[in-house]
Amino acid sequence: MTTRARSFDSAAALYGAHRPGYPPALFDAVETLAGRPLAGARVADVGAGTGIATALLHERGAEVVAVEPGDGMAAEFRRANPQLPLVRGDGDRLPLATGAFDLLTYAQAWHWTDPARSVPEARRVLRPGGALAIWWNDTDIAVPWIAEQEERLRVFFGAQGQSFRTLPQGLGEFTTRSLRWSRRVTLDEHLANLASHSAFLLLGEAGTRAYFAAERELLAPLFPEGTVEEEYVVSLSVALV
């Protein structure tokens, strides 16, 4: 798991440029489930990567600090978000003060942790009544062309392309929400987004190039104007501590 997690360091600029953001409705839901506004909240965004979620939390008025272990991702974070605080660490060893935070967020990052360590750490740094918010942003397989693409990826990578996602125990009951949204990007940007995923980063340049040449041939007739509407489902889970 560590090898896959650290694979992003070699492609941090690609990740930052092409990974999707998150819709405003996600942060509305976080506020509702956490029982407080983000404005003025002390938030730690753990596994922050290049700062996609961190920057959006900051825009909502949160006093947010990012936690990121990877050298490449941290460097890209600092380039893109020089005004935001960043500390080096991960969810298993949070470099944060005890009882200091209203909210911990894990945007596409909880599955890189060891719950035996990350659960006690979350409990330690959250104040009483604080909240842990975990979310994943997945393509919407209810859309036929996306379902077909996901099946091609599943066949190509098998179990290697799957992430193990289980909500942790010992943090209270989670409340969940599913939020659909979309964005419009060029076909090149869509393929670059796919290429930023860990399975392709580990595959290597030659294999990745061959896969995307074939994928472009399949997708180009579906999007003759060169614009792809990527449709997503954000799965949000929030627990009060």
Protein backbone atom coordinates (compact mmCIF):
# COMPACT_ATOMS: atom_id res chain seq x y z
CA MET A 1 0.00 0.00 0.00
CA THR A 2 2.87 2.40 0.81
CA THR A 3 4.38 1.94 -2.66
CA ARG A 4 1.08 2.83 -4.30
CA ALA A 5 0.49 5.78 -2.00
CA ARG A 6 3.96 7.21 -2.64
CA SER A 7 3.68 6.68 -6.41
CA PHE A 8 1.89 10.02 -6.63
CA ASP A 9 5.10 11.87 -5.75
CA SER A 10 6.46 11.15 -9.23
CA ALA A 11 3.42 12.72 -10.91
CA ALA A 12 2.37 15.47 -8.51
CA ALA A 13 2.10 18.15 -11.20
CA LEU A 14 -0.06 15.86 -13.36
CA TYR A 15 -2.23 15.08 -10.36
CA GLY A 16 -2.66 18.73 -9.39
CA ALA A 17 -3.46 19.83 -12.92
CA HIS A 18 -5.98 17.17 -13.89
CA ARG A 19 -7.64 15.58 -10.89
CA PRO A 20 -11.22 16.83 -10.36
CA GLY A 21 -12.18 19.12 -7.52
CA TYR A 22 -15.35 18.81 -5.46
CA PRO A 23 -18.79 20.44 -5.76
CA PRO A 24 -20.02 23.08 -3.30
CA ALA A 25 -22.77 20.66 -2.24
CA LEU A 26 -20.12 18.42 -0.68
CA PHE A 27 -19.03 21.12 1.74
CA ASP A 28 -22.66 22.03 2.47
CA ALA A 29 -23.17 18.38 3.45
CA VAL A 30 -20.02 18.34 5.60
CA GLU A 31 -21.34 21.35 7.51
CA THR A 32 -24.75 19.74 7.97
CA LEU A 33 -23.41 16.40 9.18
CA ALA A 34 -20.68 17.93 11.36
CA GLY A 35 -23.22 20.28 12.92
CA ARG A 36 -21.23 23.47 12.40
CA PRO A 37 -20.14 25.86 9.64
CA LEU A 38 -16.74 25.52 8.07
CA ALA A 39 -16.15 29.25 8.47
CA GLY A 40 -13.94 29.66 11.51
CA ALA A 41 -13.58 25.92 12.11
CA ARG A 42 -10.14 24.49 12.86
CA VAL A 43 -9.68 21.83 10.19
CA ALA A 44 -6.86 19.42 9.36
CA ASP A 45 -6.97 18.01 5.82
CA VAL A 46 -5.04 14.75 6.08
CA GLY A 47 -3.40 13.20 3.03
CA ALA A 48 -3.85 16.57 1.39
CA GLY A 49 -1.87 15.78 -1.74
CA THR A 50 -1.61 18.85 -3.95
CA GLY A 51 -4.23 20.68 -1.90
CA ILE A 52 -7.37 20.25 -4.00
CA ALA A 53 -9.65 19.84 -0.97
CA THR A 54 -7.53 22.02 1.30
CA ALA A 55 -7.95 25.05 -0.95
CA LEU A 56 -11.71 24.56 -1.16
CA LEU A 57 -11.98 24.26 2.63
CA HIS A 58 -9.99 27.48 2.92
CA GLU A 59 -12.38 29.18 0.49
CA ARG A 60 -15.25 28.22 2.80
CA GLY A 61 -13.55 30.10 5.63
CA ALA A 62 -11.99 27.18 7.49
CA GLU A 63 -8.75 27.66 9.40
CA VAL A 64 -7.20 24.72 7.63
CA VAL A 65 -3.83 23.03 7.88
CA ALA A 66 -2.76 20.36 5.41
CA VAL A 67 -1.00 17.12 6.41
CA GLU A 68 0.93 15.37 3.61
CA PRO A 69 3.70 12.73 3.75
CA GLY A 70 4.95 12.73 0.15
CA ASP A 71 7.86 14.90 -0.97
CA GLY A 72 6.57 15.47 -4.49
CA MET A 73 2.99 16.12 -3.44
CA ALA A 74 4.10 18.50 -0.69
CA ALA A 75 6.27 20.45 -3.14
CA GLU A 76 3.36 20.79 -5.57
CA PHE A 77 1.07 21.81 -2.70
CA ARG A 78 3.44 24.59 -1.70
CA ARG A 79 3.75 25.77 -5.32
CA ALA A 80 -0.03 25.90 -5.82
CA ASN A 81 -1.03 27.08 -2.32
CA PRO A 82 1.79 29.16 -0.85
CA GLN A 83 -0.61 30.89 1.52
CA LEU A 84 -1.81 27.69 3.22
CA PRO A 85 0.00 25.93 6.11
CA LEU A 86 1.36 22.45 5.45
CA VAL A 87 2.95 19.99 7.86
CA ARG A 88 4.62 16.71 6.95
CA GLY A 89 3.05 13.55 8.31
CA ASP A 90 0.28 11.04 7.72
CA GLY A 91 -2.90 9.80 9.32
CA ASP A 92 -1.08 7.13 11.32
CA ARG A 93 1.21 9.72 12.96
CA LEU A 94 -0.50 13.10 12.97
CA PRO A 95 1.91 15.95 13.79
CA LEU A 96 -0.94 17.85 15.44
CA ALA A 97 -1.77 18.98 18.96
CA THR A 98 -4.17 16.94 21.07
CA GLY A 99 -7.78 18.17 21.13
CA ALA A 100 -6.99 21.08 18.82
CA PHE A 101 -9.31 20.50 15.84
CA ASP A 102 -13.02 20.76 15.11
CA LEU A 103 -12.83 18.65 11.96
CA LEU A 104 -10.51 16.14 10.31
CA THR A 105 -11.01 15.59 6.57
CA TYR A 106 -9.71 12.73 4.44
CA ALA A 107 -10.37 13.49 0.76
CA GLN A 108 -9.67 10.24 -1.10
CA ALA A 109 -7.06 9.40 1.53
CA TRP A 110 -8.44 7.28 4.37
CA HIS A 111 -7.72 4.00 2.57
CA TRP A 112 -4.00 4.77 2.72
CA THR A 113 -4.05 4.61 6.54
CA ASP A 114 -3.80 1.78 9.06
CA PRO A 115 -7.02 2.10 11.11
CA ALA A 116 -5.34 0.54 14.14
CA ARG A 117 -3.23 3.71 14.25
CA SER A 118 -5.28 6.33 12.41
CA VAL A 119 -8.44 5.86 14.52
CA PRO A 120 -6.69 6.59 17.84
CA GLU A 121 -4.88 9.51 16.21
CA ALA A 122 -8.17 10.96 14.94
CA ARG A 123 -9.70 10.66 18.40
CA ARG A 124 -6.62 12.29 19.94
CA VAL A 125 -6.49 15.43 17.80
CA LEU A 126 -10.24 16.10 17.62
CA ARG A 127 -11.82 18.15 20.37
CA PRO A 128 -14.90 16.69 22.14
CA GLY A 129 -17.80 17.08 19.73
CA GLY A 130 -15.47 17.29 16.74
CA ALA A 131 -16.02 15.34 13.54
CA LEU A 132 -14.18 13.09 11.11
CA ALA A 133 -15.21 13.48 7.45
CA ILE A 134 -14.11 10.89 4.90
CA TRP A 135 -15.02 11.04 1.23
CA TRP A 136 -14.23 9.45 -2.10
CA ASN A 137 -14.95 10.88 -5.53
CA ASP A 138 -15.78 8.09 -7.99
CA THR A 139 -16.89 8.08 -11.59
CA ASP A 140 -20.62 7.45 -11.99
CA ILE A 141 -21.00 3.94 -13.39
CA ALA A 142 -24.70 4.60 -14.00
CA VAL A 143 -23.46 6.43 -17.12
CA PRO A 144 -23.00 3.81 -19.89
CA TRP A 145 -19.71 5.02 -21.37
CA ILE A 146 -18.21 5.36 -17.88
CA ALA A 147 -19.36 1.85 -16.94
CA GLU A 148 -17.69 0.50 -20.09
CA GLN A 149 -14.46 2.34 -19.31
CA GLU A 150 -14.45 1.09 -15.72
CA GLU A 151 -14.94 -2.47 -16.95
CA ARG A 152 -11.96 -2.12 -19.27
CA LEU A 153 -9.88 -0.87 -16.34
CA ARG A 154 -11.08 -3.72 -14.15
CA VAL A 155 -10.16 -6.32 -16.73
CA PHE A 156 -6.78 -4.72 -17.42
CA PHE A 157 -5.67 -4.27 -13.81
CA GLY A 158 -7.71 -6.88 -11.98
CA ALA A 159 -7.37 -6.65 -8.20
CA GLN A 160 -4.43 -4.24 -8.54
CA GLY A 161 -6.77 -1.45 -9.57
CA GLN A 162 -9.10 -1.88 -6.60
CA SER A 163 -8.91 0.16 -3.38
CA PHE A 164 -9.89 -1.32 -0.03
CA ARG A 165 -12.42 1.06 1.51
CA THR A 166 -13.95 0.32 4.89
CA LEU A 167 -15.23 2.91 7.33
CA PRO A 168 -13.37 2.71 10.63
CA GLN A 169 -14.80 1.43 13.90
CA GLY A 170 -14.35 3.11 17.25
CA LEU A 171 -15.29 6.63 16.19
CA GLY A 172 -19.04 6.64 16.66
CA GLU A 173 -21.71 6.05 14.05
CA PHE A 174 -21.13 7.42 10.55
CA THR A 175 -23.79 9.30 8.62
CA THR A 176 -23.43 9.11 4.85
CA ARG A 177 -24.44 11.12 1.82
CA SER A 178 -24.01 10.50 -1.93
CA LEU A 179 -23.67 13.55 -4.18
CA ARG A 180 -23.69 13.51 -7.96
CA TRP A 181 -21.90 16.17 -9.98
CA SER A 182 -20.02 16.59 -13.25
CA ARG A 183 -17.37 18.61 -15.02
CA ARG A 184 -16.57 19.21 -18.69
CA VAL A 185 -12.98 18.68 -19.84
CA THR A 186 -11.16 17.98 -23.07
CA LEU A 187 -10.47 14.39 -24.08
CA ASP A 188 -6.76 15.01 -23.45
CA GLU A 189 -7.56 16.24 -19.92
CA HIS A 190 -9.79 13.25 -19.27
CA LEU A 191 -7.02 10.84 -20.22
CA ALA A 192 -4.47 12.81 -18.17
CA ASN A 193 -6.77 12.51 -15.16
CA LEU A 194 -6.86 8.73 -15.60
CA ALA A 195 -3.09 8.62 -16.02
CA SER A 196 -2.63 10.29 -12.62
CA HIS A 197 -4.08 7.26 -10.79
CA SER A 198 -1.71 5.02 -8.88
CA ALA A 199 -2.36 1.91 -10.99
CA PHE A 200 -1.02 3.69 -14.09
CA LEU A 201 1.83 5.33 -12.21
CA LEU A 202 3.04 1.87 -11.21
CA LEU A 203 2.42 0.40 -14.66
CA GLY A 204 5.18 2.43 -16.27
CA GLU A 205 5.40 4.77 -19.25
CA ALA A 206 5.33 2.23 -22.08
CA GLY A 207 2.32 0.32 -20.78
CA THR A 208 0.47 3.51 -19.95
CA ARG A 209 1.12 4.98 -23.40
CA ALA A 210 -0.19 1.85 -25.13
CA TYR A 211 -3.29 1.69 -22.95
CA PHE A 212 -4.23 5.30 -23.59
CA ALA A 213 -3.66 5.07 -27.33
CA ALA A 214 -6.29 2.33 -27.41
CA GLU A 215 -8.56 4.24 -25.02
CA ARG A 216 -8.38 7.37 -27.17
CA GLU A 217 -9.50 5.38 -30.22
CA LEU A 218 -12.53 4.10 -28.30
CA LEU A 219 -13.53 7.46 -26.83
CA ALA A 220 -12.92 9.80 -29.77
CA PRO A 221 -16.06 8.70 -31.70
CA LEU A 222 -18.18 9.21 -28.57
CA PHE A 223 -16.96 12.79 -28.15
CA PRO A 224 -16.43 14.12 -31.70
CA GLU A 225 -16.10 17.71 -30.47
CA GLY A 226 -13.34 16.68 -28.10
CA THR A 227 -15.19 17.60 -24.89
CA VAL A 228 -15.95 14.96 -22.27
CA GLU A 229 -18.50 15.36 -19.49
CA GLU A 230 -17.07 13.42 -16.59
CA GLU A 231 -19.81 12.45 -14.15
CA TYR A 232 -19.03 11.63 -10.54
CA VAL A 233 -20.53 10.41 -7.28
CA VAL A 234 -18.98 11.72 -4.06
CA SER A 235 -19.51 9.31 -1.16
CA LEU A 236 -19.29 11.26 2.11
CA SER A 237 -19.24 9.76 5.62
CA VAL A 238 -19.08 11.85 8.78
CA ALA A 239 -18.77 10.67 12.40
CA LEU A 240 -19.01 12.85 15.50
CA VAL A 241 -16.42 12.08 18.16
